[in-house]
N, C-alpha and C. Protein backbone atom coordinates (compact mmCIF):
# COMPACT_ATOMS: atom_id res chain seq x y z
N MET A 1 0.84 -1.17 0.00
CA MET A 1 0.00 0.00 0.00
C MET A 1 0.89 1.25 0.00
N ILE A 2 0.56 2.20 -0.79
CA ILE A 2 1.32 3.45 -0.86
C ILE A 2 0.86 4.35 0.28
N LYS A 3 1.83 4.80 1.09
CA LYS A 3 1.48 5.61 2.25
C LYS A 3 1.22 7.07 1.89
N ASN A 4 2.10 7.64 1.09
CA ASN A 4 1.94 9.04 0.71
C ASN A 4 1.06 9.11 -0.52
N LYS A 5 -0.15 9.57 -0.34
CA LYS A 5 -1.10 9.63 -1.46
C LYS A 5 -1.23 11.04 -2.02
N ASN A 6 -0.22 11.85 -1.81
CA ASN A 6 -0.25 13.22 -2.31
C ASN A 6 0.31 13.28 -3.73
N PHE A 7 -0.38 12.58 -4.61
CA PHE A 7 0.06 12.57 -6.00
C PHE A 7 -0.29 13.89 -6.66
N LYS A 8 0.56 14.31 -7.56
CA LYS A 8 0.29 15.53 -8.32
C LYS A 8 -0.22 15.14 -9.69
N ARG A 9 -0.93 16.03 -10.31
CA ARG A 9 -1.41 15.79 -11.67
C ARG A 9 -0.26 15.85 -12.64
N ILE A 10 -0.45 15.17 -13.75
CA ILE A 10 0.53 15.23 -14.81
C ILE A 10 0.52 16.65 -15.40
N SER A 11 1.69 17.12 -15.78
CA SER A 11 1.76 18.48 -16.32
C SER A 11 1.06 18.55 -17.67
N GLY A 12 0.67 19.72 -18.05
CA GLY A 12 0.03 19.93 -19.34
C GLY A 12 0.94 19.55 -20.49
N VAL A 13 2.23 19.86 -20.37
CA VAL A 13 3.19 19.53 -21.42
C VAL A 13 3.33 18.01 -21.54
N ALA A 14 3.47 17.33 -20.40
CA ALA A 14 3.61 15.87 -20.43
C ALA A 14 2.35 15.23 -21.02
N ASN A 15 1.21 15.72 -20.63
CA ASN A 15 -0.06 15.20 -21.15
C ASN A 15 -0.14 15.42 -22.66
N TYR A 16 0.23 16.58 -23.12
CA TYR A 16 0.24 16.91 -24.55
C TYR A 16 1.13 15.93 -25.32
N LEU A 17 2.35 15.71 -24.79
CA LEU A 17 3.30 14.82 -25.46
C LEU A 17 2.81 13.37 -25.46
N LEU A 18 2.29 12.90 -24.35
CA LEU A 18 1.80 11.52 -24.26
C LEU A 18 0.68 11.24 -25.26
N LYS A 19 -0.16 12.23 -25.49
CA LYS A 19 -1.28 12.05 -26.42
C LYS A 19 -0.80 11.97 -27.87
N ARG A 20 0.42 12.37 -28.13
CA ARG A 20 0.92 12.38 -29.50
C ARG A 20 1.86 11.22 -29.82
N ILE A 21 2.05 10.33 -28.88
CA ILE A 21 2.90 9.16 -29.14
C ILE A 21 2.11 8.18 -30.00
N PRO A 22 2.68 7.75 -31.11
CA PRO A 22 1.98 6.80 -31.99
C PRO A 22 2.14 5.35 -31.48
N TYR A 23 1.43 5.04 -30.42
CA TYR A 23 1.59 3.74 -29.75
C TYR A 23 1.44 2.56 -30.69
N GLU A 24 0.48 2.60 -31.58
CA GLU A 24 0.26 1.46 -32.48
C GLU A 24 1.47 1.23 -33.39
N VAL A 25 2.10 2.30 -33.83
CA VAL A 25 3.29 2.19 -34.68
C VAL A 25 4.44 1.57 -33.87
N LEU A 26 4.60 2.02 -32.63
CA LEU A 26 5.67 1.51 -31.78
C LEU A 26 5.47 0.03 -31.46
N ILE A 27 4.25 -0.32 -31.15
CA ILE A 27 3.91 -1.72 -30.86
C ILE A 27 4.20 -2.59 -32.07
N LYS A 28 3.77 -2.14 -33.23
CA LYS A 28 3.97 -2.91 -34.46
C LYS A 28 5.46 -3.13 -34.74
N LYS A 29 6.26 -2.09 -34.57
CA LYS A 29 7.70 -2.17 -34.84
C LYS A 29 8.38 -3.13 -33.85
N ARG A 30 8.05 -3.04 -32.58
CA ARG A 30 8.65 -3.93 -31.57
C ARG A 30 8.29 -5.39 -31.86
N ARG A 31 7.05 -5.64 -32.19
CA ARG A 31 6.61 -7.01 -32.49
C ARG A 31 7.29 -7.53 -33.75
N GLU A 32 7.37 -6.69 -34.76
CA GLU A 32 8.01 -7.08 -36.02
C GLU A 32 9.48 -7.45 -35.79
N ASN A 33 10.19 -6.65 -35.02
CA ASN A 33 11.60 -6.91 -34.73
C ASN A 33 11.77 -8.20 -33.92
N PHE A 34 10.96 -8.39 -32.92
CA PHE A 34 11.04 -9.58 -32.08
C PHE A 34 10.80 -10.84 -32.91
N ILE A 35 9.74 -10.82 -33.69
CA ILE A 35 9.39 -11.99 -34.51
C ILE A 35 10.48 -12.27 -35.55
N PHE A 36 11.07 -11.22 -36.10
CA PHE A 36 12.16 -11.40 -37.06
C PHE A 36 13.34 -12.11 -36.38
N LEU A 37 13.71 -11.67 -35.20
CA LEU A 37 14.79 -12.31 -34.47
C LEU A 37 14.44 -13.76 -34.14
N LEU A 38 13.25 -13.99 -33.66
CA LEU A 38 12.81 -15.34 -33.32
C LEU A 38 12.87 -16.27 -34.53
N ASP A 39 12.40 -15.79 -35.67
CA ASP A 39 12.37 -16.60 -36.88
C ASP A 39 13.76 -16.85 -37.48
N ASN A 40 14.70 -15.95 -37.21
CA ASN A 40 16.00 -16.03 -37.88
C ASN A 40 17.17 -16.44 -36.98
N LEU A 41 16.93 -16.58 -35.70
CA LEU A 41 17.99 -17.02 -34.80
C LEU A 41 17.82 -18.50 -34.48
N LYS A 42 18.07 -19.30 -35.48
CA LYS A 42 17.97 -20.76 -35.32
C LYS A 42 19.39 -21.29 -35.11
N ASN A 43 19.73 -21.49 -33.86
CA ASN A 43 21.07 -21.94 -33.52
C ASN A 43 20.98 -22.70 -32.20
N GLU A 44 21.64 -23.85 -32.14
CA GLU A 44 21.57 -24.66 -30.92
C GLU A 44 22.24 -23.98 -29.73
N LYS A 45 23.02 -22.93 -29.98
CA LYS A 45 23.67 -22.21 -28.90
C LYS A 45 22.84 -21.03 -28.39
N ILE A 46 21.67 -20.83 -29.00
CA ILE A 46 20.76 -19.75 -28.60
C ILE A 46 19.40 -20.37 -28.28
N ILE A 47 18.97 -20.20 -27.05
CA ILE A 47 17.68 -20.75 -26.62
C ILE A 47 16.77 -19.58 -26.22
N PRO A 48 15.84 -19.20 -27.08
CA PRO A 48 14.94 -18.09 -26.75
C PRO A 48 14.14 -18.37 -25.47
N LEU A 49 13.97 -17.35 -24.68
CA LEU A 49 13.18 -17.48 -23.46
C LEU A 49 11.71 -17.74 -23.82
N PHE A 50 11.28 -17.19 -24.95
CA PHE A 50 9.91 -17.37 -25.42
C PHE A 50 9.96 -17.88 -26.87
N ASN A 51 9.21 -18.92 -27.15
CA ASN A 51 9.20 -19.50 -28.50
C ASN A 51 8.12 -18.91 -29.39
N GLU A 52 7.33 -18.04 -28.83
CA GLU A 52 6.30 -17.35 -29.62
C GLU A 52 6.01 -16.01 -28.95
N LEU A 53 5.33 -15.17 -29.68
CA LEU A 53 4.94 -13.86 -29.17
C LEU A 53 3.42 -13.77 -29.22
N PRO A 54 2.76 -13.91 -28.07
CA PRO A 54 1.30 -13.83 -28.08
C PRO A 54 0.80 -12.50 -28.66
N GLN A 55 -0.36 -12.53 -29.23
CA GLN A 55 -0.93 -11.39 -29.95
C GLN A 55 -0.99 -10.11 -29.11
N ASN A 56 -1.27 -10.22 -27.84
CA ASN A 56 -1.46 -9.03 -27.00
C ASN A 56 -0.19 -8.61 -26.25
N VAL A 57 0.97 -9.09 -26.66
CA VAL A 57 2.22 -8.79 -25.97
C VAL A 57 3.09 -7.86 -26.80
N THR A 58 3.64 -6.84 -26.15
CA THR A 58 4.59 -5.93 -26.79
C THR A 58 5.93 -6.13 -26.10
N PRO A 59 6.93 -6.66 -26.80
CA PRO A 59 8.21 -6.97 -26.16
C PRO A 59 9.05 -5.74 -25.87
N LEU A 60 9.79 -5.82 -24.79
CA LEU A 60 10.75 -4.78 -24.45
C LEU A 60 12.09 -5.09 -25.13
N ASN A 61 12.41 -6.39 -25.20
CA ASN A 61 13.64 -6.86 -25.82
C ASN A 61 13.48 -8.33 -26.18
N PHE A 62 14.56 -8.95 -26.67
CA PHE A 62 14.53 -10.36 -27.07
C PHE A 62 15.46 -11.14 -26.13
N PRO A 63 14.91 -11.76 -25.09
CA PRO A 63 15.76 -12.50 -24.14
C PRO A 63 16.02 -13.93 -24.60
N PHE A 64 17.23 -14.40 -24.33
CA PHE A 64 17.58 -15.79 -24.66
C PHE A 64 18.70 -16.27 -23.74
N PHE A 65 18.83 -17.59 -23.66
CA PHE A 65 19.89 -18.21 -22.88
C PHE A 65 20.98 -18.72 -23.82
N SER A 66 22.22 -18.66 -23.33
CA SER A 66 23.33 -19.22 -24.09
C SER A 66 24.49 -19.52 -23.16
N ASP A 67 25.15 -20.64 -23.42
CA ASP A 67 26.38 -20.96 -22.69
C ASP A 67 27.52 -20.05 -23.15
N GLU A 68 27.30 -19.36 -24.26
CA GLU A 68 28.32 -18.49 -24.86
C GLU A 68 28.07 -17.01 -24.54
N LYS A 69 27.46 -16.73 -23.41
CA LYS A 69 27.05 -15.35 -23.07
C LYS A 69 28.20 -14.35 -23.20
N LYS A 70 29.30 -14.63 -22.58
CA LYS A 70 30.42 -13.68 -22.59
C LYS A 70 30.92 -13.42 -24.01
N LYS A 71 31.10 -14.48 -24.77
CA LYS A 71 31.58 -14.37 -26.16
C LYS A 71 30.59 -13.57 -27.01
N ILE A 72 29.30 -13.86 -26.86
CA ILE A 72 28.27 -13.16 -27.63
C ILE A 72 28.23 -11.68 -27.26
N LYS A 73 28.24 -11.40 -25.97
CA LYS A 73 28.17 -10.01 -25.52
C LYS A 73 29.36 -9.21 -26.04
N GLU A 74 30.55 -9.79 -25.98
CA GLU A 74 31.74 -9.10 -26.49
C GLU A 74 31.63 -8.83 -27.99
N ALA A 75 31.14 -9.80 -28.75
CA ALA A 75 30.99 -9.63 -30.20
C ALA A 75 29.97 -8.53 -30.51
N LEU A 76 28.88 -8.51 -29.78
CA LEU A 76 27.86 -7.48 -30.01
C LEU A 76 28.40 -6.09 -29.68
N VAL A 77 29.03 -5.96 -28.53
CA VAL A 77 29.55 -4.65 -28.11
C VAL A 77 30.61 -4.16 -29.08
N LYS A 78 31.43 -5.06 -29.58
CA LYS A 78 32.46 -4.69 -30.57
C LYS A 78 31.82 -4.05 -31.81
N GLU A 79 30.59 -4.48 -32.13
CA GLU A 79 29.86 -3.93 -33.28
C GLU A 79 28.90 -2.81 -32.87
N ARG A 80 29.08 -2.30 -31.67
CA ARG A 80 28.26 -1.20 -31.12
C ARG A 80 26.78 -1.58 -30.99
N ILE A 81 26.55 -2.82 -30.65
CA ILE A 81 25.21 -3.32 -30.32
C ILE A 81 25.27 -3.62 -28.83
N PHE A 82 24.46 -2.92 -28.06
CA PHE A 82 24.58 -3.01 -26.61
C PHE A 82 23.41 -3.79 -26.02
N PRO A 83 23.67 -5.06 -25.65
CA PRO A 83 22.62 -5.89 -25.08
C PRO A 83 22.34 -5.47 -23.63
N PRO A 84 21.09 -5.16 -23.31
CA PRO A 84 20.78 -4.76 -21.93
C PRO A 84 20.95 -5.93 -20.96
N THR A 85 21.45 -5.62 -19.78
CA THR A 85 21.57 -6.63 -18.73
C THR A 85 20.25 -6.67 -17.96
N LEU A 86 19.61 -7.82 -17.98
CA LEU A 86 18.32 -7.96 -17.31
C LEU A 86 18.45 -8.44 -15.88
N TRP A 87 19.44 -9.28 -15.64
CA TRP A 87 19.53 -9.92 -14.33
C TRP A 87 21.00 -10.21 -14.07
N SER A 88 21.62 -9.42 -13.21
CA SER A 88 23.05 -9.58 -12.98
C SER A 88 23.37 -10.13 -11.60
N TYR A 89 22.35 -10.35 -10.78
CA TYR A 89 22.58 -10.65 -9.38
C TYR A 89 21.51 -11.61 -8.87
N VAL A 90 21.93 -12.54 -8.03
CA VAL A 90 20.99 -13.42 -7.32
C VAL A 90 21.21 -13.19 -5.84
N SER A 91 20.15 -12.94 -5.14
CA SER A 91 20.24 -12.71 -3.71
C SER A 91 20.83 -13.92 -3.00
N PRO A 92 21.75 -13.69 -2.08
CA PRO A 92 22.31 -14.82 -1.32
C PRO A 92 21.27 -15.50 -0.44
N LEU A 93 20.12 -14.88 -0.30
CA LEU A 93 19.04 -15.49 0.48
C LEU A 93 18.37 -16.65 -0.26
N ILE A 94 18.61 -16.75 -1.57
CA ILE A 94 18.03 -17.84 -2.35
C ILE A 94 18.95 -19.05 -2.22
N ASP A 95 18.39 -20.13 -1.76
CA ASP A 95 19.14 -21.36 -1.52
C ASP A 95 19.60 -21.98 -2.85
N LYS A 96 20.90 -21.98 -3.07
CA LYS A 96 21.46 -22.48 -4.34
C LYS A 96 21.22 -23.98 -4.51
N GLU A 97 21.22 -24.71 -3.41
CA GLU A 97 20.96 -26.15 -3.46
C GLU A 97 19.52 -26.43 -3.89
N LYS A 98 18.62 -25.63 -3.38
CA LYS A 98 17.20 -25.85 -3.64
C LYS A 98 16.76 -25.28 -5.00
N TYR A 99 17.36 -24.15 -5.41
CA TYR A 99 16.98 -23.47 -6.65
C TYR A 99 18.19 -23.20 -7.54
N PRO A 100 18.88 -24.23 -8.00
CA PRO A 100 20.10 -23.99 -8.80
C PRO A 100 19.82 -23.29 -10.13
N GLN A 101 18.60 -23.48 -10.68
CA GLN A 101 18.27 -22.84 -11.96
C GLN A 101 18.25 -21.32 -11.85
N VAL A 102 17.96 -20.79 -10.69
CA VAL A 102 17.94 -19.33 -10.51
C VAL A 102 19.35 -18.77 -10.71
N TYR A 103 20.35 -19.50 -10.25
CA TYR A 103 21.73 -19.04 -10.38
C TYR A 103 22.24 -19.13 -11.82
N MET A 104 21.56 -19.90 -12.64
CA MET A 104 21.92 -20.01 -14.05
C MET A 104 21.53 -18.74 -14.82
N VAL A 105 20.51 -18.07 -14.37
CA VAL A 105 19.97 -16.93 -15.12
C VAL A 105 21.01 -15.82 -15.34
N PRO A 106 21.66 -15.28 -14.32
CA PRO A 106 22.64 -14.22 -14.61
C PRO A 106 23.84 -14.70 -15.43
N GLU A 107 24.13 -15.99 -15.34
CA GLU A 107 25.28 -16.53 -16.08
C GLU A 107 24.99 -16.75 -17.56
N LYS A 108 23.72 -16.98 -17.92
CA LYS A 108 23.41 -17.38 -19.30
C LYS A 108 22.36 -16.54 -20.01
N LEU A 109 21.67 -15.66 -19.30
CA LEU A 109 20.62 -14.86 -19.92
C LEU A 109 21.19 -13.62 -20.60
N LEU A 110 20.85 -13.47 -21.87
CA LEU A 110 21.21 -12.29 -22.65
C LEU A 110 19.94 -11.69 -23.21
N SER A 111 20.04 -10.47 -23.62
CA SER A 111 18.89 -9.81 -24.21
C SER A 111 19.34 -8.97 -25.39
N LEU A 112 18.56 -9.03 -26.45
CA LEU A 112 18.87 -8.23 -27.64
C LEU A 112 17.90 -7.07 -27.75
N PRO A 113 18.39 -5.91 -28.15
CA PRO A 113 17.47 -4.79 -28.36
C PRO A 113 16.58 -5.07 -29.57
N CYS A 114 15.30 -4.79 -29.42
CA CYS A 114 14.38 -4.96 -30.55
C CYS A 114 13.26 -3.92 -30.49
N ASP A 115 13.54 -2.82 -29.81
CA ASP A 115 12.48 -1.84 -29.64
C ASP A 115 12.26 -1.00 -30.90
N HIS A 116 11.37 -0.06 -30.81
CA HIS A 116 10.88 0.70 -31.96
C HIS A 116 11.93 1.63 -32.60
N ARG A 117 13.07 1.81 -31.96
CA ARG A 117 14.12 2.65 -32.56
C ARG A 117 14.83 1.93 -33.70
N TYR A 118 14.63 0.61 -33.77
CA TYR A 118 15.35 -0.22 -34.73
C TYR A 118 14.44 -0.73 -35.83
N ASN A 119 15.06 -1.04 -36.98
CA ASN A 119 14.29 -1.61 -38.09
C ASN A 119 14.88 -2.98 -38.44
N LEU A 120 14.38 -3.59 -39.51
CA LEU A 120 14.82 -4.93 -39.86
C LEU A 120 16.29 -4.97 -40.29
N LYS A 121 16.82 -3.87 -40.81
CA LYS A 121 18.25 -3.82 -41.15
C LYS A 121 19.09 -3.99 -39.88
N HIS A 122 18.64 -3.34 -38.80
CA HIS A 122 19.34 -3.49 -37.52
C HIS A 122 19.27 -4.94 -37.04
N MET A 123 18.09 -5.55 -37.18
CA MET A 123 17.92 -6.94 -36.75
C MET A 123 18.80 -7.87 -37.58
N GLU A 124 18.93 -7.59 -38.87
CA GLU A 124 19.80 -8.39 -39.74
C GLU A 124 21.25 -8.27 -39.30
N LYS A 125 21.67 -7.09 -38.90
CA LYS A 125 23.04 -6.89 -38.42
C LYS A 125 23.27 -7.70 -37.15
N ILE A 126 22.32 -7.68 -36.24
CA ILE A 126 22.43 -8.46 -35.00
C ILE A 126 22.59 -9.94 -35.33
N ILE A 127 21.76 -10.43 -36.23
CA ILE A 127 21.80 -11.85 -36.61
C ILE A 127 23.15 -12.19 -37.25
N LYS A 128 23.63 -11.32 -38.11
CA LYS A 128 24.92 -11.53 -38.77
C LYS A 128 26.05 -11.62 -37.73
N VAL A 129 26.05 -10.72 -36.77
CA VAL A 129 27.07 -10.73 -35.72
C VAL A 129 26.99 -12.02 -34.90
N LEU A 130 25.79 -12.43 -34.54
CA LEU A 130 25.62 -13.65 -33.76
C LEU A 130 26.07 -14.89 -34.53
N LYS A 131 25.68 -14.97 -35.78
CA LYS A 131 26.07 -16.13 -36.59
C LYS A 131 27.59 -16.22 -36.73
N LYS A 132 28.23 -15.10 -36.99
CA LYS A 132 29.69 -15.07 -37.12
C LYS A 132 30.35 -15.46 -35.80
N CYS A 133 29.83 -14.95 -34.72
CA CYS A 133 30.37 -15.23 -33.40
C CYS A 133 30.25 -16.71 -33.02
N LEU A 134 29.18 -17.35 -33.45
CA LEU A 134 28.90 -18.73 -33.04
C LEU A 134 29.31 -19.77 -34.07
N GLU A 135 30.03 -19.37 -35.10
CA GLU A 135 30.48 -20.33 -36.14
C GLU A 135 31.36 -21.40 -35.55
């Protein structure tokens, strides 16, 4: 429960700007990029976190697992593609014996940018870098 309920109204400028965001265009672009990556990243060293994109979902990025995380991340950064870090830490309160899969996540989870700032040419470059890296 939120204790301080003294919320302020959104400013007129912020409201004006929010009303002009083309949400449908952004959603379409994110979905298109995600699906392109999913369809074109067929490699036994890349395991997508999601094998499909449900109709009502707008992705933030393209998460996947790989035993080659460090090698992939270095190859991407070398090409000025910056994969966001989603999970870098596991609380020591989580019992490693009981939940070993949780400790695998920071070691193997990578994420590719696929948001609306990018187009299919960008996605093709990402795929090219990954394929070359994993040859």
